[in-house]
Amino acid sequence: MKKQFTSYVLAILFGWLMGCNSNPVQMPDQNSAQVSSAGRQVQLLELPGTAGKNLAKKSQTSGSGLISADSGGEVKVIGQFQTATLTIPKNALKKDQSISMTLDDCGAQVKFSPEGLIFKKHAQLNYAATGLDLSSVPVGAVINLYYYNEISGAYEQMSSVSITYDKEAGTLTCVNGDIPHFCLYAFGYIKR
C-alpha cells in the first residue's frame, strides 16, 4: 500500500513538472515550428486550408463522457477529418470523472480536459485523420505524437505503438498513443 501511495505521489509530481496545469492558456500557433525538448524544431501537421489562421478562431469538435474509476471506459469523437478514441483503463482514475476531448478541425491536435488530470495507469489514444496537408513533410520523416509543455513552451515527444501516414493520400493513423496526463497533444515531425 505504501509503495502504491508513493507511486501515486510521484505521478502527481511528474505531471506537475511536465507542465500541464489548470490555468487557461492560448493554444500555440500551429503554423510555426515549435522547439521540442531536444532543442529541435517540431512542425505540426495541418488539415486543408489552415495556413495563416489563428488557432483560437478555428472550429473544433468535442465529445465527453463519465468514466468509472473502477471499470474505465472510452470517449470517442468524430470530426470532419478526424476520429479519435481515448481509452482509459480500469483503476486509472482516483474517482469517477467526466472527461472531455476536443479535436481541432484544422490541425492534427487533440485537447483533453480536465486539464492537468494525471492517470495512475496511462490512457491510450487511437487517432485517424484524412485530408492532411503532408506536402511539406520531407521524405523519410518520422511523424510522432507530442504534448505541449506550457512551462517550457516546447513540444515533448510521447510514445505510441505505431504512427503511420500516407503522404500522397494525406492520411495518418496513430495506434495506442501514450496519454499519461491531460493537456494539448499534436502530431508533427522534426524539421531538418
N, C-alpha and C. Protein backbone atom coordinates (compact mmCIF):
# COMPACT_ATOMS: atom_id res chain seq x y z
N MET A 1 0.83 -1.19 0.00
CA MET A 1 0.00 0.00 0.00
C MET A 1 0.87 1.25 0.00
N LYS A 2 1.94 1.23 0.83
CA LYS A 2 2.83 2.37 0.91
C LYS A 2 3.52 2.62 -0.44
N LYS A 3 3.92 1.53 -1.13
CA LYS A 3 4.55 1.65 -2.44
C LYS A 3 3.58 2.25 -3.46
N GLN A 4 2.31 1.83 -3.41
CA GLN A 4 1.30 2.35 -4.33
C GLN A 4 1.07 3.84 -4.07
N PHE A 5 1.01 4.24 -2.80
CA PHE A 5 0.83 5.65 -2.46
C PHE A 5 2.02 6.47 -2.95
N THR A 6 3.24 5.96 -2.74
CA THR A 6 4.44 6.66 -3.19
C THR A 6 4.43 6.81 -4.71
N SER A 7 4.03 5.77 -5.42
CA SER A 7 3.94 5.84 -6.88
C SER A 7 2.93 6.90 -7.31
N TYR A 8 1.80 6.96 -6.62
CA TYR A 8 0.77 7.94 -6.95
C TYR A 8 1.29 9.36 -6.73
N VAL A 9 1.97 9.60 -5.61
CA VAL A 9 2.52 10.93 -5.31
C VAL A 9 3.56 11.30 -6.36
N LEU A 10 4.41 10.34 -6.75
CA LEU A 10 5.40 10.61 -7.78
C LEU A 10 4.74 10.93 -9.11
N ALA A 11 3.65 10.26 -9.44
CA ALA A 11 2.92 10.52 -10.68
C ALA A 11 2.36 11.94 -10.68
N ILE A 12 1.83 12.39 -9.55
CA ILE A 12 1.30 13.76 -9.44
C ILE A 12 2.43 14.76 -9.62
N LEU A 13 3.55 14.53 -8.95
CA LEU A 13 4.69 15.42 -9.07
C LEU A 13 5.20 15.46 -10.51
N PHE A 14 5.28 14.29 -11.15
CA PHE A 14 5.72 14.21 -12.54
C PHE A 14 4.81 15.03 -13.44
N GLY A 15 3.51 14.91 -13.27
CA GLY A 15 2.57 15.66 -14.08
C GLY A 15 2.71 17.16 -13.88
N TRP A 16 2.92 17.57 -12.64
CA TRP A 16 3.11 18.98 -12.35
C TRP A 16 4.37 19.50 -13.03
N LEU A 17 5.44 18.71 -12.96
CA LEU A 17 6.69 19.11 -13.59
C LEU A 17 6.59 19.10 -15.11
N MET A 18 5.72 18.27 -15.67
CA MET A 18 5.58 18.15 -17.12
C MET A 18 4.96 19.41 -17.72
N GLY A 19 4.31 20.22 -16.92
CA GLY A 19 3.87 21.49 -17.44
C GLY A 19 2.39 21.64 -17.72
N CYS A 20 1.58 20.66 -17.51
CA CYS A 20 0.14 20.83 -17.69
C CYS A 20 -0.43 21.33 -16.39
N ASN A 21 -1.17 22.40 -16.48
CA ASN A 21 -1.83 22.92 -15.29
C ASN A 21 -3.21 23.39 -15.67
N SER A 22 -3.96 23.83 -14.69
CA SER A 22 -5.35 24.21 -14.95
C SER A 22 -5.50 25.66 -15.38
N ASN A 23 -4.42 26.39 -15.53
CA ASN A 23 -4.53 27.77 -15.98
C ASN A 23 -4.86 27.80 -17.46
N PRO A 24 -5.92 28.55 -17.85
CA PRO A 24 -6.24 28.61 -19.26
C PRO A 24 -5.16 29.36 -20.02
N VAL A 25 -4.75 28.82 -21.15
CA VAL A 25 -3.74 29.47 -21.98
C VAL A 25 -4.17 29.39 -23.43
N GLN A 26 -3.62 30.28 -24.22
CA GLN A 26 -3.84 30.26 -25.66
C GLN A 26 -3.11 29.05 -26.23
N MET A 27 -3.77 28.30 -27.13
CA MET A 27 -3.08 27.22 -27.79
C MET A 27 -1.98 27.83 -28.64
N PRO A 28 -0.84 27.15 -28.76
CA PRO A 28 0.25 27.70 -29.57
C PRO A 28 -0.15 27.77 -31.03
N ASP A 29 0.50 28.68 -31.76
CA ASP A 29 0.24 28.83 -33.19
C ASP A 29 0.74 27.60 -33.91
N GLN A 30 -0.16 26.88 -34.52
CA GLN A 30 0.18 25.62 -35.17
C GLN A 30 1.04 25.82 -36.40
N ASN A 31 0.99 26.96 -37.04
CA ASN A 31 1.71 27.15 -38.29
C ASN A 31 3.19 27.43 -38.10
N SER A 32 3.59 27.74 -36.88
CA SER A 32 5.01 27.99 -36.66
C SER A 32 5.64 26.75 -36.04
N ALA A 33 6.90 26.52 -36.40
CA ALA A 33 7.60 25.39 -35.80
C ALA A 33 7.85 25.71 -34.34
N GLN A 34 7.75 24.71 -33.50
CA GLN A 34 7.96 24.88 -32.07
C GLN A 34 9.17 24.07 -31.65
N VAL A 35 9.84 24.51 -30.60
CA VAL A 35 11.01 23.81 -30.11
C VAL A 35 10.58 22.57 -29.33
N SER A 36 11.25 21.46 -29.57
CA SER A 36 11.00 20.26 -28.78
C SER A 36 11.97 20.23 -27.61
N SER A 37 11.81 19.25 -26.73
CA SER A 37 12.67 19.15 -25.57
C SER A 37 14.13 18.93 -25.95
N ALA A 38 14.37 18.39 -27.12
CA ALA A 38 15.74 18.14 -27.58
C ALA A 38 16.33 19.37 -28.28
N GLY A 39 15.60 20.49 -28.27
CA GLY A 39 16.09 21.70 -28.90
C GLY A 39 15.93 21.72 -30.41
N ARG A 40 15.18 20.77 -30.95
CA ARG A 40 14.95 20.71 -32.39
C ARG A 40 13.56 21.26 -32.69
N GLN A 41 13.36 21.68 -33.93
CA GLN A 41 12.08 22.28 -34.32
C GLN A 41 11.05 21.21 -34.69
N VAL A 42 9.85 21.32 -34.12
CA VAL A 42 8.75 20.42 -34.43
C VAL A 42 7.78 21.16 -35.34
N GLN A 43 7.47 20.58 -36.49
CA GLN A 43 6.48 21.15 -37.40
C GLN A 43 5.18 20.37 -37.22
N LEU A 44 4.12 21.04 -36.84
CA LEU A 44 2.83 20.38 -36.63
C LEU A 44 2.12 20.17 -37.96
N LEU A 45 1.30 19.13 -38.01
CA LEU A 45 0.56 18.80 -39.23
C LEU A 45 -0.70 19.63 -39.33
N GLU A 46 -1.10 19.96 -40.56
CA GLU A 46 -2.27 20.77 -40.82
C GLU A 46 -3.30 20.02 -41.63
N LEU A 47 -4.55 20.37 -41.43
CA LEU A 47 -5.64 19.91 -42.28
C LEU A 47 -5.84 20.96 -43.38
N PRO A 48 -6.64 20.70 -44.40
CA PRO A 48 -6.76 21.63 -45.53
C PRO A 48 -7.16 23.05 -45.12
N GLY A 49 -6.57 24.03 -45.79
CA GLY A 49 -6.98 25.42 -45.66
C GLY A 49 -6.66 26.09 -44.35
N THR A 50 -5.57 25.69 -43.65
CA THR A 50 -5.30 26.28 -42.35
C THR A 50 -4.22 27.34 -42.36
N ALA A 51 -3.53 27.52 -43.46
CA ALA A 51 -2.39 28.42 -43.48
C ALA A 51 -2.77 29.82 -43.03
N GLY A 52 -2.02 30.32 -42.06
CA GLY A 52 -2.17 31.69 -41.60
C GLY A 52 -3.33 31.96 -40.67
N LYS A 53 -4.09 30.97 -40.29
CA LYS A 53 -5.22 31.19 -39.39
C LYS A 53 -4.79 31.07 -37.94
N ASN A 54 -5.41 31.87 -37.08
CA ASN A 54 -5.15 31.80 -35.65
C ASN A 54 -5.92 30.62 -35.07
N LEU A 55 -5.26 29.78 -34.29
CA LEU A 55 -5.89 28.59 -33.73
C LEU A 55 -7.13 28.92 -32.90
N ALA A 56 -7.13 30.05 -32.22
CA ALA A 56 -8.25 30.41 -31.36
C ALA A 56 -9.53 30.61 -32.17
N LYS A 57 -9.43 30.89 -33.46
CA LYS A 57 -10.60 31.14 -34.31
C LYS A 57 -11.03 29.91 -35.10
N LYS A 58 -10.32 28.82 -34.97
CA LYS A 58 -10.63 27.62 -35.75
C LYS A 58 -11.78 26.86 -35.13
N SER A 59 -12.44 26.08 -35.94
CA SER A 59 -13.55 25.29 -35.43
C SER A 59 -13.02 24.05 -34.71
N GLN A 60 -13.84 23.53 -33.82
CA GLN A 60 -13.45 22.36 -33.04
C GLN A 60 -14.64 21.44 -32.88
N THR A 61 -14.36 20.14 -32.70
CA THR A 61 -15.38 19.14 -32.47
C THR A 61 -15.07 18.48 -31.14
N SER A 62 -16.07 18.37 -30.27
CA SER A 62 -15.84 17.85 -28.92
C SER A 62 -16.78 16.71 -28.58
N GLY A 63 -16.36 15.94 -27.59
CA GLY A 63 -17.18 14.89 -27.02
C GLY A 63 -16.77 14.67 -25.58
N SER A 64 -17.65 14.10 -24.80
CA SER A 64 -17.32 13.85 -23.40
C SER A 64 -18.07 12.64 -22.89
N GLY A 65 -17.64 12.19 -21.74
CA GLY A 65 -18.30 11.06 -21.11
C GLY A 65 -17.88 10.93 -19.67
N LEU A 66 -18.70 10.27 -18.88
CA LEU A 66 -18.38 9.99 -17.49
C LEU A 66 -17.68 8.64 -17.45
N ILE A 67 -16.45 8.63 -16.94
CA ILE A 67 -15.64 7.42 -16.89
C ILE A 67 -15.60 6.90 -15.46
N SER A 68 -15.88 5.62 -15.30
CA SER A 68 -15.85 4.97 -14.00
C SER A 68 -14.41 4.70 -13.59
N ALA A 69 -14.06 5.03 -12.36
CA ALA A 69 -12.72 4.74 -11.85
C ALA A 69 -12.49 3.23 -11.78
N ASP A 70 -13.52 2.49 -11.41
CA ASP A 70 -13.38 1.04 -11.24
C ASP A 70 -13.27 0.28 -12.55
N SER A 71 -14.04 0.67 -13.57
CA SER A 71 -14.06 -0.11 -14.80
C SER A 71 -13.43 0.59 -16.00
N GLY A 72 -13.07 1.87 -15.90
CA GLY A 72 -12.50 2.61 -17.02
C GLY A 72 -13.56 2.89 -18.07
N GLY A 73 -13.13 3.22 -19.27
CA GLY A 73 -14.08 3.50 -20.34
C GLY A 73 -13.44 4.22 -21.49
N GLU A 74 -14.28 4.69 -22.42
CA GLU A 74 -13.81 5.35 -23.63
C GLU A 74 -14.59 6.62 -23.90
N VAL A 75 -13.91 7.56 -24.55
CA VAL A 75 -14.54 8.74 -25.11
C VAL A 75 -14.14 8.75 -26.58
N LYS A 76 -15.13 8.87 -27.46
CA LYS A 76 -14.87 8.87 -28.90
C LYS A 76 -15.43 10.15 -29.50
N VAL A 77 -14.65 10.75 -30.40
CA VAL A 77 -15.06 11.98 -31.08
C VAL A 77 -14.79 11.79 -32.57
N ILE A 78 -15.80 12.15 -33.38
CA ILE A 78 -15.67 12.07 -34.83
C ILE A 78 -15.83 13.48 -35.39
N GLY A 79 -14.77 13.97 -36.04
CA GLY A 79 -14.80 15.28 -36.67
C GLY A 79 -14.88 15.13 -38.18
N GLN A 80 -14.82 16.25 -38.88
CA GLN A 80 -14.90 16.23 -40.33
C GLN A 80 -13.75 15.43 -40.95
N PHE A 81 -12.54 15.60 -40.42
CA PHE A 81 -11.36 14.94 -40.97
C PHE A 81 -10.71 13.96 -40.00
N GLN A 82 -11.19 13.89 -38.77
CA GLN A 82 -10.51 13.13 -37.74
C GLN A 82 -11.47 12.26 -36.94
N THR A 83 -10.95 11.15 -36.44
CA THR A 83 -11.66 10.32 -35.48
C THR A 83 -10.67 10.00 -34.37
N ALA A 84 -11.09 10.14 -33.13
CA ALA A 84 -10.21 9.85 -32.00
C ALA A 84 -10.98 9.09 -30.93
N THR A 85 -10.32 8.10 -30.36
CA THR A 85 -10.87 7.36 -29.24
C THR A 85 -9.84 7.35 -28.13
N LEU A 86 -10.23 7.81 -26.96
CA LEU A 86 -9.38 7.77 -25.77
C LEU A 86 -9.88 6.63 -24.91
N THR A 87 -9.00 5.67 -24.61
CA THR A 87 -9.34 4.53 -23.78
C THR A 87 -8.64 4.69 -22.44
N ILE A 88 -9.45 4.69 -21.39
CA ILE A 88 -8.92 4.83 -20.03
C ILE A 88 -9.08 3.49 -19.34
N PRO A 89 -7.97 2.89 -18.89
CA PRO A 89 -8.06 1.56 -18.28
C PRO A 89 -8.72 1.60 -16.91
N LYS A 90 -9.18 0.44 -16.45
CA LYS A 90 -9.77 0.37 -15.12
C LYS A 90 -8.70 0.72 -14.09
N ASN A 91 -9.15 1.34 -13.03
CA ASN A 91 -8.30 1.77 -11.91
C ASN A 91 -7.25 2.81 -12.31
N ALA A 92 -7.47 3.53 -13.39
CA ALA A 92 -6.55 4.59 -13.81
C ALA A 92 -6.90 5.93 -13.17
N LEU A 93 -8.13 6.06 -12.71
CA LEU A 93 -8.61 7.31 -12.11
C LEU A 93 -8.81 7.14 -10.60
N LYS A 94 -8.61 8.21 -9.88
CA LYS A 94 -8.82 8.20 -8.43
C LYS A 94 -10.31 8.10 -8.10
N LYS A 95 -11.15 8.72 -8.93
CA LYS A 95 -12.60 8.72 -8.73
C LYS A 95 -13.27 8.79 -10.09
N ASP A 96 -14.57 8.53 -10.16
CA ASP A 96 -15.31 8.68 -11.41
C ASP A 96 -15.10 10.11 -11.91
N GLN A 97 -14.92 10.26 -13.21
CA GLN A 97 -14.51 11.55 -13.74
C GLN A 97 -15.20 11.83 -15.07
N SER A 98 -15.69 13.05 -15.24
CA SER A 98 -16.19 13.50 -16.54
C SER A 98 -14.98 13.91 -17.37
N ILE A 99 -14.86 13.30 -18.56
CA ILE A 99 -13.71 13.51 -19.44
C ILE A 99 -14.20 14.15 -20.73
N SER A 100 -13.48 15.14 -21.22
CA SER A 100 -13.80 15.79 -22.49
C SER A 100 -12.60 15.71 -23.42
N MET A 101 -12.89 15.57 -24.71
CA MET A 101 -11.86 15.53 -25.74
C MET A 101 -12.31 16.45 -26.86
N THR A 102 -11.39 17.32 -27.33
CA THR A 102 -11.71 18.26 -28.39
C THR A 102 -10.71 18.10 -29.52
N LEU A 103 -11.23 17.92 -30.74
CA LEU A 103 -10.40 17.83 -31.94
C LEU A 103 -10.39 19.19 -32.61
N ASP A 104 -9.21 19.65 -32.99
CA ASP A 104 -9.10 20.87 -33.76
C ASP A 104 -9.40 20.49 -35.21
N ASP A 105 -10.44 21.04 -35.80
CA ASP A 105 -10.84 20.68 -37.15
C ASP A 105 -9.91 21.21 -38.23
N CYS A 106 -8.88 21.96 -37.84
CA CYS A 106 -7.93 22.49 -38.82
C CYS A 106 -6.52 21.94 -38.68
N GLY A 107 -6.22 21.30 -37.57
CA GLY A 107 -4.90 20.74 -37.36
C GLY A 107 -5.00 19.39 -36.67
N ALA A 108 -3.96 18.61 -36.75
CA ALA A 108 -3.93 17.29 -36.13
C ALA A 108 -3.59 17.46 -34.64
N GLN A 109 -4.57 18.00 -33.89
CA GLN A 109 -4.38 18.29 -32.48
C GLN A 109 -5.60 17.81 -31.68
N VAL A 110 -5.32 17.38 -30.44
CA VAL A 110 -6.36 16.92 -29.54
C VAL A 110 -6.12 17.56 -28.18
N LYS A 111 -7.16 18.14 -27.61
CA LYS A 111 -7.07 18.74 -26.27
C LYS A 111 -8.00 17.97 -25.36
N PHE A 112 -7.50 17.65 -24.16
CA PHE A 112 -8.27 16.89 -23.18
C PHE A 112 -8.55 17.75 -21.97
N SER A 113 -9.65 17.45 -21.31
CA SER A 113 -9.94 18.11 -20.04
C SER A 113 -10.68 17.13 -19.13
N PRO A 114 -10.55 17.31 -17.82
CA PRO A 114 -9.98 18.48 -17.17
C PRO A 114 -8.46 18.53 -17.31
N GLU A 115 -7.97 19.69 -17.71
CA GLU A 115 -6.55 19.87 -17.93
C GLU A 115 -5.79 19.60 -16.64
N GLY A 116 -4.67 18.92 -16.77
CA GLY A 116 -3.83 18.60 -15.61
C GLY A 116 -4.14 17.27 -14.96
N LEU A 117 -5.23 16.60 -15.39
CA LEU A 117 -5.57 15.30 -14.83
C LEU A 117 -4.43 14.32 -15.09
N ILE A 118 -4.01 13.58 -14.06
CA ILE A 118 -2.93 12.60 -14.17
C ILE A 118 -3.51 11.22 -13.92
N PHE A 119 -3.14 10.27 -14.77
CA PHE A 119 -3.63 8.91 -14.65
C PHE A 119 -2.69 8.05 -13.81
N LYS A 120 -3.26 7.14 -13.04
CA LYS A 120 -2.46 6.14 -12.32
C LYS A 120 -1.94 5.10 -13.30
N LYS A 121 -2.69 4.83 -14.36
CA LYS A 121 -2.28 3.99 -15.49
C LYS A 121 -2.55 4.82 -16.73
N HIS A 122 -1.61 4.88 -17.65
CA HIS A 122 -1.75 5.75 -18.82
C HIS A 122 -2.94 5.38 -19.69
N ALA A 123 -3.61 6.42 -20.18
CA ALA A 123 -4.69 6.25 -21.16
C ALA A 123 -4.04 6.07 -22.53
N GLN A 124 -4.83 5.59 -23.50
CA GLN A 124 -4.33 5.33 -24.85
C GLN A 124 -5.19 6.07 -25.86
N LEU A 125 -4.54 6.75 -26.79
CA LEU A 125 -5.22 7.49 -27.84
C LEU A 125 -5.08 6.74 -29.16
N ASN A 126 -6.21 6.44 -29.78
CA ASN A 126 -6.23 5.90 -31.14
C ASN A 126 -6.84 7.00 -32.01
N TYR A 127 -6.13 7.36 -33.07
CA TYR A 127 -6.44 8.56 -33.84
C TYR A 127 -6.26 8.27 -35.33
N ALA A 128 -7.18 8.79 -36.13
CA ALA A 128 -7.05 8.68 -37.58
C ALA A 128 -7.48 10.01 -38.20
N ALA A 129 -6.72 10.45 -39.21
CA ALA A 129 -7.05 11.70 -39.90
C ALA A 129 -6.94 11.49 -41.40
N THR A 130 -7.80 12.20 -42.13
CA THR A 130 -7.74 12.24 -43.58
C THR A 130 -7.65 13.70 -43.99
N GLY A 131 -7.23 13.96 -45.20
CA GLY A 131 -7.17 15.33 -45.69
C GLY A 131 -6.04 16.15 -45.12
N LEU A 132 -5.02 15.50 -44.56
CA LEU A 132 -3.89 16.24 -44.02
C LEU A 132 -3.05 16.82 -45.15
N ASP A 133 -2.48 17.98 -44.90
CA ASP A 133 -1.55 18.58 -45.84
C ASP A 133 -0.15 18.09 -45.46
N LEU A 134 0.30 17.05 -46.13
CA LEU A 134 1.61 16.47 -45.83
C LEU A 134 2.66 16.83 -46.88
N SER A 135 2.35 17.84 -47.71
CA SER A 135 3.24 18.22 -48.81
C SER A 135 4.61 18.69 -48.33
N SER A 136 4.68 19.27 -47.14
CA SER A 136 5.96 19.77 -46.65
C SER A 136 6.74 18.73 -45.84
N VAL A 137 6.16 17.56 -45.62
CA VAL A 137 6.84 16.52 -44.85
C VAL A 137 7.98 15.95 -45.70
N PRO A 138 9.22 16.06 -45.22
CA PRO A 138 10.35 15.54 -46.00
C PRO A 138 10.28 14.02 -46.17
N VAL A 139 10.82 13.52 -47.25
CA VAL A 139 10.88 12.08 -47.48
C VAL A 139 11.63 11.43 -46.31
N GLY A 140 11.06 10.39 -45.77
CA GLY A 140 11.68 9.67 -44.66
C GLY A 140 11.44 10.27 -43.28
N ALA A 141 10.69 11.37 -43.20
CA ALA A 141 10.43 11.98 -41.89
C ALA A 141 9.58 11.05 -41.03
N VAL A 142 9.81 11.11 -39.74
CA VAL A 142 9.05 10.30 -38.79
C VAL A 142 8.05 11.23 -38.08
N ILE A 143 6.78 10.90 -38.20
CA ILE A 143 5.74 11.67 -37.52
C ILE A 143 5.53 11.06 -36.15
N ASN A 144 5.47 11.93 -35.14
CA ASN A 144 5.30 11.50 -33.76
C ASN A 144 4.14 12.22 -33.10
N LEU A 145 3.75 11.72 -31.95
CA LEU A 145 2.77 12.36 -31.07
C LEU A 145 3.55 13.19 -30.07
N TYR A 146 3.13 14.44 -29.87
CA TYR A 146 3.78 15.36 -28.94
C TYR A 146 2.74 15.94 -28.00
N TYR A 147 3.17 16.33 -26.80
CA TYR A 147 2.30 17.14 -25.95
C TYR A 147 2.96 18.49 -25.78
N TYR A 148 2.13 19.52 -25.58
CA TYR A 148 2.64 20.88 -25.43
C TYR A 148 2.89 21.17 -23.96
N ASN A 149 4.16 21.41 -23.62
CA ASN A 149 4.56 21.74 -22.25
C ASN A 149 4.42 23.24 -22.08
N GLU A 150 3.43 23.66 -21.31
CA GLU A 150 3.14 25.08 -21.13
C GLU A 150 4.26 25.81 -20.41
N ILE A 151 4.98 25.14 -19.54
CA ILE A 151 6.04 25.79 -18.78
C ILE A 151 7.24 26.11 -19.68
N SER A 152 7.67 25.14 -20.46
CA SER A 152 8.85 25.35 -21.31
C SER A 152 8.49 25.94 -22.67
N GLY A 153 7.22 25.86 -23.06
CA GLY A 153 6.81 26.33 -24.37
C GLY A 153 7.31 25.41 -25.48
N ALA A 154 7.61 24.15 -25.13
CA ALA A 154 8.16 23.20 -26.10
C ALA A 154 7.23 22.00 -26.24
N TYR A 155 7.36 21.33 -27.36
CA TYR A 155 6.64 20.08 -27.59
C TYR A 155 7.52 18.92 -27.15
N GLU A 156 6.94 18.01 -26.36
CA GLU A 156 7.65 16.85 -25.84
C GLU A 156 7.09 15.60 -26.53
N GLN A 157 7.97 14.77 -27.04
CA GLN A 157 7.55 13.57 -27.76
C GLN A 157 6.98 12.52 -26.81
N MET A 158 5.89 11.87 -27.25
CA MET A 158 5.27 10.79 -26.50
C MET A 158 5.41 9.49 -27.28
N SER A 159 5.29 8.37 -26.60
CA SER A 159 5.41 7.08 -27.28
C SER A 159 4.05 6.63 -27.81
N SER A 160 4.10 5.69 -28.74
CA SER A 160 2.89 5.07 -29.29
C SER A 160 3.29 3.70 -29.83
N VAL A 161 2.30 2.84 -30.02
CA VAL A 161 2.59 1.54 -30.62
C VAL A 161 3.02 1.74 -32.06
N SER A 162 2.27 2.57 -32.79
CA SER A 162 2.67 2.90 -34.16
C SER A 162 1.98 4.17 -34.63
N ILE A 163 2.67 4.88 -35.50
CA ILE A 163 2.10 6.02 -36.22
C ILE A 163 2.50 5.83 -37.67
N THR A 164 1.49 5.73 -38.53
CA THR A 164 1.75 5.56 -39.95
C THR A 164 1.05 6.68 -40.71
N TYR A 165 1.62 7.03 -41.86
CA TYR A 165 0.99 8.05 -42.69
C TYR A 165 1.24 7.75 -44.15
N ASP A 166 0.34 8.27 -44.98
CA ASP A 166 0.46 8.17 -46.43
C ASP A 166 0.49 9.60 -46.96
N LYS A 167 1.66 10.03 -47.39
CA LYS A 167 1.85 11.42 -47.82
C LYS A 167 0.94 11.78 -48.99
N GLU A 168 0.83 10.89 -49.96
CA GLU A 168 0.02 11.16 -51.14
C GLU A 168 -1.47 11.23 -50.81
N ALA A 169 -1.94 10.32 -49.99
CA ALA A 169 -3.36 10.27 -49.63
C ALA A 169 -3.72 11.27 -48.54
N GLY A 170 -2.71 11.79 -47.80
CA GLY A 170 -2.97 12.74 -46.73
C GLY A 170 -3.62 12.11 -45.51
N THR A 171 -3.22 10.87 -45.19
CA THR A 171 -3.81 10.16 -44.06
C THR A 171 -2.77 9.89 -42.98
N LEU A 172 -3.25 9.77 -41.76
CA LEU A 172 -2.41 9.47 -40.60
C LEU A 172 -3.19 8.57 -39.66
N THR A 173 -2.51 7.57 -39.10
CA THR A 173 -3.13 6.70 -38.10
C THR A 173 -2.17 6.53 -36.94
N CYS A 174 -2.68 6.73 -35.74
CA CYS A 174 -1.90 6.50 -34.52
C CYS A 174 -2.59 5.39 -33.73
N VAL A 175 -1.81 4.38 -33.35
CA VAL A 175 -2.32 3.28 -32.54
C VAL A 175 -1.73 3.39 -31.13
N ASN A 176 -2.60 3.47 -30.16
CA ASN A 176 -2.22 3.50 -28.74
C ASN A 176 -1.14 4.53 -28.41
N GLY A 177 -1.44 5.79 -28.71
CA GLY A 177 -0.57 6.88 -28.28
C GLY A 177 -0.67 7.03 -26.78
N ASP A 178 0.45 7.19 -26.11
CA ASP A 178 0.53 7.23 -24.65
C ASP A 178 0.05 8.58 -24.12
N ILE A 179 -0.97 8.56 -23.25
CA ILE A 179 -1.52 9.78 -22.65
C ILE A 179 -1.43 9.63 -21.13
N PRO A 180 -0.35 10.12 -20.51
CA PRO A 180 -0.20 9.99 -19.06
C PRO A 180 -0.94 11.07 -18.27
N HIS A 181 -1.21 12.19 -18.92
CA HIS A 181 -1.88 13.32 -18.27
C HIS A 181 -2.58 14.15 -19.35
N PHE A 182 -3.45 15.05 -18.92
CA PHE A 182 -4.23 15.84 -19.88
C PHE A 182 -3.62 17.21 -20.13
N CYS A 183 -3.53 17.54 -21.39
CA CYS A 183 -3.17 18.86 -21.89
C CYS A 183 -3.38 18.82 -23.41
N LEU A 184 -2.66 19.60 -24.17
CA LEU A 184 -2.77 19.62 -25.62
C LEU A 184 -1.78 18.62 -26.23
N TYR A 185 -2.28 17.76 -27.10
CA TYR A 185 -1.45 16.81 -27.84
C TYR A 185 -1.57 17.10 -29.32
N ALA A 186 -0.48 16.90 -30.07
CA ALA A 186 -0.49 17.20 -31.51
C ALA A 186 0.46 16.24 -32.24
N PHE A 187 0.24 16.12 -33.53
CA PHE A 187 1.10 15.29 -34.36
C PHE A 187 1.99 16.18 -35.21
N GLY A 188 3.25 15.79 -35.36
CA GLY A 188 4.19 16.56 -36.14
C GLY A 188 5.48 15.78 -36.38
N TYR A 189 6.45 16.49 -36.92
CA TYR A 189 7.73 15.87 -37.24
C TYR A 189 8.84 16.87 -36.95
N ILE A 190 10.06 16.36 -36.79
CA ILE A 190 11.21 17.22 -36.54
C ILE A 190 11.63 17.85 -37.87
N LYS A 191 11.70 19.19 -37.86
CA LYS A 191 12.13 19.91 -39.07
C LYS A 191 13.63 19.76 -39.22
N ARG A 192 14.06 19.58 -40.44
CA ARG A 192 15.51 19.47 -40.71
C ARG A 192 16.07 20.80 -41.10
